All heavy atoms as atom14 arrays in JSON, in Angstrom:
{
  "sequence": "GMIHPNMATMLAFITTDACVEQPFLLEALREVTDQTFNMIT",
  "atom14_mask": [
    [1, 1, 1, 1, 0, 0, 0, 0, 0, 0, 0, 0, 0, 0],
    [1, 1, 1, 1, 1, 1, 1, 1, 0, 0, 0, 0, 0, 0],
    [1, 1, 1, 1, 1, 1, 1, 1, 0, 0, 0, 0, 0, 0],
    [1, 1, 1, 1, 1, 1, 1, 1, 1, 1, 0, 0, 0, 0],
    [1, 1, 1, 1, 1, 1, 1, 0, 0, 0, 0, 0, 0, 0],
    [1, 1, 1, 1, 1, 1, 1, 1, 0, 0, 0, 0, 0, 0],
    [1, 1, 1, 1, 1, 1, 1, 1, 0, 0, 0, 0, 0, 0],
    [1, 1, 1, 1, 1, 0, 0, 0, 0, 0, 0, 0, 0, 0],
    [1, 1, 1, 1, 1, 1, 1, 0, 0, 0, 0, 0, 0, 0],
    [1, 1, 1, 1, 1, 1, 1, 1, 0, 0, 0, 0, 0, 0],
    [1, 1, 1, 1, 1, 1, 1, 1, 0, 0, 0, 0, 0, 0],
    [1, 1, 1, 1, 1, 0, 0, 0, 0, 0, 0, 0, 0, 0],
    [1, 1, 1, 1, 1, 1, 1, 1, 1, 1, 1, 0, 0, 0],
    [1, 1, 1, 1, 1, 1, 1, 1, 0, 0, 0, 0, 0, 0],
    [1, 1, 1, 1, 1, 1, 1, 0, 0, 0, 0, 0, 0, 0],
    [1, 1, 1, 1, 1, 1, 1, 0, 0, 0, 0, 0, 0, 0],
    [1, 1, 1, 1, 1, 1, 1, 1, 0, 0, 0, 0, 0, 0],
    [1, 1, 1, 1, 1, 0, 0, 0, 0, 0, 0, 0, 0, 0],
    [1, 1, 1, 1, 1, 1, 0, 0, 0, 0, 0, 0, 0, 0],
    [1, 1, 1, 1, 1, 1, 1, 0, 0, 0, 0, 0, 0, 0],
    [1, 1, 1, 1, 1, 1, 1, 1, 1, 0, 0, 0, 0, 0],
    [1, 1, 1, 1, 1, 1, 1, 1, 1, 0, 0, 0, 0, 0],
    [1, 1, 1, 1, 1, 1, 1, 0, 0, 0, 0, 0, 0, 0],
    [1, 1, 1, 1, 1, 1, 1, 1, 1, 1, 1, 0, 0, 0],
    [1, 1, 1, 1, 1, 1, 1, 1, 0, 0, 0, 0, 0, 0],
    [1, 1, 1, 1, 1, 1, 1, 1, 0, 0, 0, 0, 0, 0],
    [1, 1, 1, 1, 1, 1, 1, 1, 1, 0, 0, 0, 0, 0],
    [1, 1, 1, 1, 1, 0, 0, 0, 0, 0, 0, 0, 0, 0],
    [1, 1, 1, 1, 1, 1, 1, 1, 0, 0, 0, 0, 0, 0],
    [1, 1, 1, 1, 1, 1, 1, 1, 1, 1, 1, 0, 0, 0],
    [1, 1, 1, 1, 1, 1, 1, 1, 1, 0, 0, 0, 0, 0],
    [1, 1, 1, 1, 1, 1, 1, 0, 0, 0, 0, 0, 0, 0],
    [1, 1, 1, 1, 1, 1, 1, 0, 0, 0, 0, 0, 0, 0],
    [1, 1, 1, 1, 1, 1, 1, 1, 0, 0, 0, 0, 0, 0],
    [1, 1, 1, 1, 1, 1, 1, 1, 1, 0, 0, 0, 0, 0],
    [1, 1, 1, 1, 1, 1, 1, 0, 0, 0, 0, 0, 0, 0],
    [1, 1, 1, 1, 1, 1, 1, 1, 1, 1, 1, 0, 0, 0],
    [1, 1, 1, 1, 1, 1, 1, 1, 0, 0, 0, 0, 0, 0],
    [1, 1, 1, 1, 1, 1, 1, 1, 0, 0, 0, 0, 0, 0],
    [1, 1, 1, 1, 1, 1, 1, 1, 0, 0, 0, 0, 0, 0],
    [1, 1, 1, 1, 1, 1, 1, 0, 0, 0, 0, 0, 0, 0]
  ],
  "atom14_positions": [
    [[10.05, 101.33, -57.09], [8.85, 100.7, -57.1], [8.89, 99.16, -57.24], [10.0, 98.72, -57.67], [0.0, 0.0, 0.0], [0.0, 0.0, 0.0], [0.0, 0.0, 0.0], [0.0, 0.0, 0.0], [0.0, 0.0, 0.0], [0.0, 0.0, 0.0], [0.0, 0.0, 0.0], [0.0, 0.0, 0.0], [0.0, 0.0, 0.0], [0.0, 0.0, 0.0]],
    [[7.85, 98.41, -57.15], [7.98, 97.07, -57.14], [8.94, 96.52, -56.07], [9.86, 95.69, -56.52], [8.17, 96.49, -58.58], [7.63, 95.05, -58.79], [7.87, 94.47, -60.46], [6.19, 95.05, -61.14], [0.0, 0.0, 0.0], [0.0, 0.0, 0.0], [0.0, 0.0, 0.0], [0.0, 0.0, 0.0], [0.0, 0.0, 0.0], [0.0, 0.0, 0.0]],
    [[8.94, 97.0, -54.95], [9.84, 96.77, -53.94], [9.17, 96.08, -52.75], [8.3, 96.59, -52.15], [10.58, 98.03, -53.31], [11.28, 98.76, -54.6], [11.52, 97.65, -52.37], [12.35, 98.08, -55.26], [0.0, 0.0, 0.0], [0.0, 0.0, 0.0], [0.0, 0.0, 0.0], [0.0, 0.0, 0.0], [0.0, 0.0, 0.0], [0.0, 0.0, 0.0]],
    [[9.59, 94.83, -52.51], [9.0, 94.11, -51.29], [10.1, 93.11, -50.64], [10.88, 92.68, -51.36], [7.81, 93.4, -51.75], [7.16, 92.64, -50.47], [6.44, 93.44, -49.51], [6.83, 91.38, -50.35], [5.9, 92.52, -48.71], [6.06, 91.31, -49.1], [0.0, 0.0, 0.0], [0.0, 0.0, 0.0], [0.0, 0.0, 0.0], [0.0, 0.0, 0.0]],
    [[10.04, 93.04, -49.35], [11.04, 92.33, -48.79], [11.01, 90.65, -48.92], [10.54, 89.92, -48.06], [10.82, 92.56, -47.15], [9.54, 92.89, -47.03], [9.06, 93.57, -48.39], [0.0, 0.0, 0.0], [0.0, 0.0, 0.0], [0.0, 0.0, 0.0], [0.0, 0.0, 0.0], [0.0, 0.0, 0.0], [0.0, 0.0, 0.0], [0.0, 0.0, 0.0]],
    [[11.43, 90.36, -50.11], [11.37, 88.94, -50.49], [12.39, 88.86, -51.52], [12.11, 88.87, -52.79], [10.07, 88.58, -50.97], [9.77, 87.13, -51.06], [10.66, 86.36, -50.51], [8.68, 86.61, -51.58], [0.0, 0.0, 0.0], [0.0, 0.0, 0.0], [0.0, 0.0, 0.0], [0.0, 0.0, 0.0], [0.0, 0.0, 0.0], [0.0, 0.0, 0.0]],
    [[13.69, 88.53, -51.12], [14.92, 88.7, -51.99], [14.73, 88.24, -53.4], [14.29, 87.07, -53.52], [16.06, 88.17, -51.24], [17.37, 88.47, -51.97], [17.99, 90.14, -51.73], [17.53, 91.05, -53.14], [0.0, 0.0, 0.0], [0.0, 0.0, 0.0], [0.0, 0.0, 0.0], [0.0, 0.0, 0.0], [0.0, 0.0, 0.0], [0.0, 0.0, 0.0]],
    [[15.09, 88.89, -54.36], [15.67, 90.13, -54.28], [14.57, 91.08, -54.61], [13.49, 90.83, -55.2], [16.8, 90.32, -55.25], [0.0, 0.0, 0.0], [0.0, 0.0, 0.0], [0.0, 0.0, 0.0], [0.0, 0.0, 0.0], [0.0, 0.0, 0.0], [0.0, 0.0, 0.0], [0.0, 0.0, 0.0], [0.0, 0.0, 0.0], [0.0, 0.0, 0.0]],
    [[14.88, 92.41, -54.24], [13.84, 93.35, -54.43], [14.18, 94.66, -55.29], [13.47, 95.62, -55.28], [13.36, 93.96, -53.04], [14.62, 94.4, -52.34], [12.72, 92.78, -52.24], [0.0, 0.0, 0.0], [0.0, 0.0, 0.0], [0.0, 0.0, 0.0], [0.0, 0.0, 0.0], [0.0, 0.0, 0.0], [0.0, 0.0, 0.0], [0.0, 0.0, 0.0]],
    [[15.32, 94.52, -56.02], [15.75, 95.64, -56.76], [17.09, 95.11, -57.42], [17.29, 93.92, -57.48], [16.0, 96.84, -55.92], [17.17, 96.79, -54.97], [16.97, 95.62, -53.6], [18.46, 94.74, -53.83], [0.0, 0.0, 0.0], [0.0, 0.0, 0.0], [0.0, 0.0, 0.0], [0.0, 0.0, 0.0], [0.0, 0.0, 0.0], [0.0, 0.0, 0.0]],
    [[17.81, 95.95, -58.03], [19.2, 95.68, -58.58], [20.26, 96.33, -57.67], [20.13, 97.61, -57.4], [19.45, 96.08, -60.04], [18.59, 95.36, -61.13], [18.89, 96.09, -62.45], [18.72, 93.93, -61.11], [0.0, 0.0, 0.0], [0.0, 0.0, 0.0], [0.0, 0.0, 0.0], [0.0, 0.0, 0.0], [0.0, 0.0, 0.0], [0.0, 0.0, 0.0]],
    [[21.2, 95.63, -57.29], [22.17, 96.09, -56.4], [23.59, 95.49, -56.96], [23.53, 94.28, -57.26], [22.09, 95.93, -55.01], [0.0, 0.0, 0.0], [0.0, 0.0, 0.0], [0.0, 0.0, 0.0], [0.0, 0.0, 0.0], [0.0, 0.0, 0.0], [0.0, 0.0, 0.0], [0.0, 0.0, 0.0], [0.0, 0.0, 0.0], [0.0, 0.0, 0.0]],
    [[24.61, 96.28, -57.03], [25.96, 95.73, -57.47], [26.85, 96.19, -56.51], [27.03, 97.42, -56.24], [26.32, 96.34, -58.85], [25.22, 96.12, -59.93], [24.21, 97.02, -60.14], [25.14, 94.88, -60.57], [23.16, 96.72, -61.17], [24.04, 94.58, -61.43], [23.09, 95.55, -61.68], [0.0, 0.0, 0.0], [0.0, 0.0, 0.0], [0.0, 0.0, 0.0]],
    [[27.64, 95.34, -55.9], [28.62, 95.59, -54.87], [30.02, 95.09, -55.3], [30.05, 93.93, -55.72], [28.21, 94.95, -53.4], [26.85, 95.59, -53.14], [29.27, 95.19, -52.46], [26.23, 94.7, -52.03], [0.0, 0.0, 0.0], [0.0, 0.0, 0.0], [0.0, 0.0, 0.0], [0.0, 0.0, 0.0], [0.0, 0.0, 0.0], [0.0, 0.0, 0.0]],
    [[31.05, 95.89, -55.16], [32.41, 95.48, -55.56], [33.37, 95.61, -54.36], [33.2, 96.57, -53.52], [32.86, 96.41, -56.72], [32.88, 97.81, -56.24], [32.07, 96.24, -57.87], [0.0, 0.0, 0.0], [0.0, 0.0, 0.0], [0.0, 0.0, 0.0], [0.0, 0.0, 0.0], [0.0, 0.0, 0.0], [0.0, 0.0, 0.0], [0.0, 0.0, 0.0]],
    [[34.32, 94.84, -54.37], [35.39, 94.97, -53.24], [36.59, 94.35, -53.84], [36.72, 93.59, -54.6], [34.96, 94.14, -51.99], [36.02, 94.32, -51.0], [34.73, 92.69, -52.27], [0.0, 0.0, 0.0], [0.0, 0.0, 0.0], [0.0, 0.0, 0.0], [0.0, 0.0, 0.0], [0.0, 0.0, 0.0], [0.0, 0.0, 0.0], [0.0, 0.0, 0.0]],
    [[37.67, 95.04, -53.37], [39.0, 94.5, -53.73], [39.48, 93.55, -52.58], [40.72, 93.13, -52.78], [40.07, 95.55, -53.87], [39.9, 96.75, -52.86], [39.57, 96.35, -51.72], [40.37, 97.84, -53.06], [0.0, 0.0, 0.0], [0.0, 0.0, 0.0], [0.0, 0.0, 0.0], [0.0, 0.0, 0.0], [0.0, 0.0, 0.0], [0.0, 0.0, 0.0]],
    [[38.69, 93.06, -51.82], [39.13, 92.02, -50.79], [39.25, 90.72, -51.52], [38.58, 90.48, -52.66], [38.05, 91.89, -49.76], [0.0, 0.0, 0.0], [0.0, 0.0, 0.0], [0.0, 0.0, 0.0], [0.0, 0.0, 0.0], [0.0, 0.0, 0.0], [0.0, 0.0, 0.0], [0.0, 0.0, 0.0], [0.0, 0.0, 0.0], [0.0, 0.0, 0.0]],
    [[40.05, 89.82, -50.98], [40.25, 88.39, -51.37], [39.29, 87.58, -50.57], [39.63, 87.37, -49.35], [41.72, 88.01, -51.33], [41.97, 86.35, -51.95], [0.0, 0.0, 0.0], [0.0, 0.0, 0.0], [0.0, 0.0, 0.0], [0.0, 0.0, 0.0], [0.0, 0.0, 0.0], [0.0, 0.0, 0.0], [0.0, 0.0, 0.0], [0.0, 0.0, 0.0]],
    [[38.18, 87.05, -51.17], [37.21, 86.24, -50.4], [36.95, 84.93, -51.17], [36.59, 85.08, -52.4], [35.99, 87.03, -50.26], [35.05, 86.35, -49.17], [36.18, 88.43, -49.72], [0.0, 0.0, 0.0], [0.0, 0.0, 0.0], [0.0, 0.0, 0.0], [0.0, 0.0, 0.0], [0.0, 0.0, 0.0], [0.0, 0.0, 0.0], [0.0, 0.0, 0.0]],
    [[37.07, 83.86, -50.49], [36.75, 82.56, -51.06], [35.26, 82.65, -51.45], [34.39, 82.89, -50.55], [37.19, 81.32, -50.34], [38.65, 81.33, -50.11], [39.05, 80.08, -49.38], [38.17, 79.25, -49.24], [40.2, 79.96, -48.92], [0.0, 0.0, 0.0], [0.0, 0.0, 0.0], [0.0, 0.0, 0.0], [0.0, 0.0, 0.0], [0.0, 0.0, 0.0]],
    [[34.92, 82.25, -52.72], [33.62, 82.34, -53.15], [32.42, 81.77, -52.3], [31.45, 82.39, -52.06], [33.44, 81.85, -54.61], [32.17, 82.24, -55.33], [30.94, 81.34, -55.1], [31.07, 80.22, -54.56], [29.74, 81.79, -55.42], [0.0, 0.0, 0.0], [0.0, 0.0, 0.0], [0.0, 0.0, 0.0], [0.0, 0.0, 0.0], [0.0, 0.0, 0.0]],
    [[32.57, 80.48, -51.72], [31.51, 79.88, -50.99], [31.18, 80.77, -49.77], [29.99, 80.93, -49.27], [32.13, 78.6, -50.66], [33.13, 78.26, -51.68], [33.69, 79.49, -52.08], [0.0, 0.0, 0.0], [0.0, 0.0, 0.0], [0.0, 0.0, 0.0], [0.0, 0.0, 0.0], [0.0, 0.0, 0.0], [0.0, 0.0, 0.0], [0.0, 0.0, 0.0]],
    [[32.22, 81.46, -49.28], [32.07, 82.29, -47.98], [31.46, 83.65, -48.39], [30.77, 84.17, -47.58], [33.34, 82.35, -47.22], [34.02, 81.02, -46.83], [35.2, 80.49, -47.34], [33.13, 80.17, -46.13], [35.74, 79.3, -47.0], [33.71, 78.93, -45.7], [34.97, 78.44, -46.23], [0.0, 0.0, 0.0], [0.0, 0.0, 0.0], [0.0, 0.0, 0.0]],
    [[31.93, 84.0, -49.61], [31.25, 85.44, -50.12], [29.71, 85.07, -50.11], [28.98, 85.98, -49.81], [31.93, 85.7, -51.37], [31.44, 87.07, -51.99], [31.84, 88.19, -51.12], [32.03, 87.32, -53.38], [0.0, 0.0, 0.0], [0.0, 0.0, 0.0], [0.0, 0.0, 0.0], [0.0, 0.0, 0.0], [0.0, 0.0, 0.0], [0.0, 0.0, 0.0]],
    [[29.32, 84.07, -50.89], [27.93, 83.74, -51.01], [27.25, 83.63, -49.57], [26.01, 84.2, -49.4], [27.74, 82.42, -51.76], [26.32, 82.03, -52.05], [25.53, 83.25, -52.62], [26.26, 80.82, -52.93], [0.0, 0.0, 0.0], [0.0, 0.0, 0.0], [0.0, 0.0, 0.0], [0.0, 0.0, 0.0], [0.0, 0.0, 0.0], [0.0, 0.0, 0.0]],
    [[27.87, 82.93, -48.7], [27.39, 82.8, -47.27], [27.16, 84.09, -46.62], [26.02, 84.37, -46.0], [28.21, 81.9, -46.43], [27.85, 81.65, -45.05], [29.03, 80.94, -44.38], [29.33, 79.76, -44.79], [29.43, 81.44, -43.33], [0.0, 0.0, 0.0], [0.0, 0.0, 0.0], [0.0, 0.0, 0.0], [0.0, 0.0, 0.0], [0.0, 0.0, 0.0]],
    [[28.08, 84.94, -46.81], [28.01, 86.26, -46.14], [27.06, 87.11, -46.79], [26.19, 87.84, -46.11], [29.4, 87.06, -46.29], [0.0, 0.0, 0.0], [0.0, 0.0, 0.0], [0.0, 0.0, 0.0], [0.0, 0.0, 0.0], [0.0, 0.0, 0.0], [0.0, 0.0, 0.0], [0.0, 0.0, 0.0], [0.0, 0.0, 0.0], [0.0, 0.0, 0.0]],
    [[26.82, 87.15, -48.11], [25.78, 87.87, -48.88], [24.54, 87.36, -48.44], [23.59, 88.21, -48.22], [25.91, 87.77, -50.39], [24.88, 88.36, -51.28], [24.91, 89.93, -51.02], [25.16, 88.08, -52.74], [0.0, 0.0, 0.0], [0.0, 0.0, 0.0], [0.0, 0.0, 0.0], [0.0, 0.0, 0.0], [0.0, 0.0, 0.0], [0.0, 0.0, 0.0]],
    [[24.11, 86.08, -48.34], [22.81, 85.61, -47.96], [22.55, 86.03, -46.58], [21.38, 86.49, -46.29], [22.9, 84.05, -48.03], [22.76, 83.52, -49.53], [22.91, 82.16, -49.53], [22.62, 81.57, -50.83], [22.91, 80.28, -51.25], [23.46, 79.47, -50.36], [22.57, 79.91, -52.52], [0.0, 0.0, 0.0], [0.0, 0.0, 0.0], [0.0, 0.0, 0.0]],
    [[23.45, 86.02, -45.67], [23.15, 86.44, -44.29], [22.99, 87.94, -44.22], [21.9, 88.33, -43.51], [24.38, 86.09, -43.45], [24.24, 86.59, -41.88], [25.36, 86.16, -41.02], [26.18, 85.26, -41.47], [25.75, 86.82, -40.1], [0.0, 0.0, 0.0], [0.0, 0.0, 0.0], [0.0, 0.0, 0.0], [0.0, 0.0, 0.0], [0.0, 0.0, 0.0]],
    [[23.76, 88.7, -44.9], [23.47, 90.18, -44.87], [22.23, 90.56, -45.47], [21.45, 91.49, -45.2], [24.77, 90.82, -45.53], [24.45, 92.31, -45.88], [26.01, 90.69, -44.61], [0.0, 0.0, 0.0], [0.0, 0.0, 0.0], [0.0, 0.0, 0.0], [0.0, 0.0, 0.0], [0.0, 0.0, 0.0], [0.0, 0.0, 0.0], [0.0, 0.0, 0.0]],
    [[21.88, 89.86, -46.64], [20.63, 90.17, -47.37], [19.47, 90.1, -46.49], [18.54, 90.89, -46.5], [20.49, 89.3, -48.65], [21.53, 89.57, -49.59], [19.15, 89.39, -49.32], [0.0, 0.0, 0.0], [0.0, 0.0, 0.0], [0.0, 0.0, 0.0], [0.0, 0.0, 0.0], [0.0, 0.0, 0.0], [0.0, 0.0, 0.0], [0.0, 0.0, 0.0]],
    [[19.38, 89.08, -45.69], [18.2, 88.94, -44.85], [18.11, 90.0, -43.79], [16.97, 90.35, -43.28], [18.4, 87.56, -43.99], [17.93, 86.34, -44.81], [17.2, 86.6, -45.8], [18.36, 85.18, -44.5], [0.0, 0.0, 0.0], [0.0, 0.0, 0.0], [0.0, 0.0, 0.0], [0.0, 0.0, 0.0], [0.0, 0.0, 0.0], [0.0, 0.0, 0.0]],
    [[19.25, 90.68, -43.44], [19.09, 91.79, -42.47], [19.0, 93.15, -43.09], [18.8, 94.06, -42.31], [20.52, 91.77, -41.7], [20.81, 90.5, -40.94], [22.24, 90.55, -40.54], [23.08, 91.35, -40.83], [22.65, 89.45, -39.85], [0.0, 0.0, 0.0], [0.0, 0.0, 0.0], [0.0, 0.0, 0.0], [0.0, 0.0, 0.0], [0.0, 0.0, 0.0]],
    [[19.03, 93.24, -44.45], [19.03, 94.61, -45.05], [18.09, 94.52, -46.25], [16.92, 95.13, -46.0], [20.44, 94.86, -45.6], [20.92, 93.8, -46.47], [21.49, 94.97, -44.39], [0.0, 0.0, 0.0], [0.0, 0.0, 0.0], [0.0, 0.0, 0.0], [0.0, 0.0, 0.0], [0.0, 0.0, 0.0], [0.0, 0.0, 0.0], [0.0, 0.0, 0.0]],
    [[18.39, 94.1, -47.42], [17.5, 94.2, -48.61], [16.16, 93.38, -48.41], [15.21, 93.85, -48.93], [18.22, 93.68, -49.83], [19.33, 94.46, -50.2], [20.59, 93.95, -50.4], [19.29, 95.75, -50.55], [21.69, 94.56, -50.77], [20.38, 96.58, -51.01], [21.51, 95.95, -51.03], [0.0, 0.0, 0.0], [0.0, 0.0, 0.0], [0.0, 0.0, 0.0]],
    [[16.23, 92.41, -47.65], [14.9, 91.6, -47.32], [14.08, 92.4, -46.26], [13.09, 91.96, -45.82], [15.14, 90.22, -46.86], [15.49, 89.34, -47.99], [15.23, 89.72, -49.16], [15.93, 88.03, -47.71], [0.0, 0.0, 0.0], [0.0, 0.0, 0.0], [0.0, 0.0, 0.0], [0.0, 0.0, 0.0], [0.0, 0.0, 0.0], [0.0, 0.0, 0.0]],
    [[14.51, 93.53, -45.73], [13.85, 94.1, -44.64], [13.36, 95.46, -45.21], [13.01, 96.49, -44.42], [14.69, 94.4, -43.5], [15.17, 93.15, -42.7], [13.74, 92.22, -42.23], [13.09, 93.2, -40.84], [0.0, 0.0, 0.0], [0.0, 0.0, 0.0], [0.0, 0.0, 0.0], [0.0, 0.0, 0.0], [0.0, 0.0, 0.0], [0.0, 0.0, 0.0]],
    [[13.28, 95.7, -46.43], [12.56, 96.89, -47.08], [11.35, 96.6, -47.82], [11.12, 95.54, -48.37], [13.57, 97.73, -47.94], [14.09, 96.84, -49.14], [14.78, 98.19, -47.16], [14.92, 97.64, -50.19], [0.0, 0.0, 0.0], [0.0, 0.0, 0.0], [0.0, 0.0, 0.0], [0.0, 0.0, 0.0], [0.0, 0.0, 0.0], [0.0, 0.0, 0.0]],
    [[10.38, 97.61, -47.84], [9.35, 97.47, -48.81], [8.89, 98.92, -49.16], [8.94, 99.81, -48.46], [8.13, 96.67, -48.06], [7.02, 96.42, -49.04], [7.53, 97.46, -46.99], [0.0, 0.0, 0.0], [0.0, 0.0, 0.0], [0.0, 0.0, 0.0], [0.0, 0.0, 0.0], [0.0, 0.0, 0.0], [0.0, 0.0, 0.0], [0.0, 0.0, 0.0]]
  ]
}
């Protein structure tokens, strides 16, 4: 409940053993968020 497409809309924790430079990790997360978590209500 209390879920609406206006990031963020819940708690989510994602882990990976990939090696990703932090600025690009943030860039990817923001892009993906707009397509996924921001599209639920």
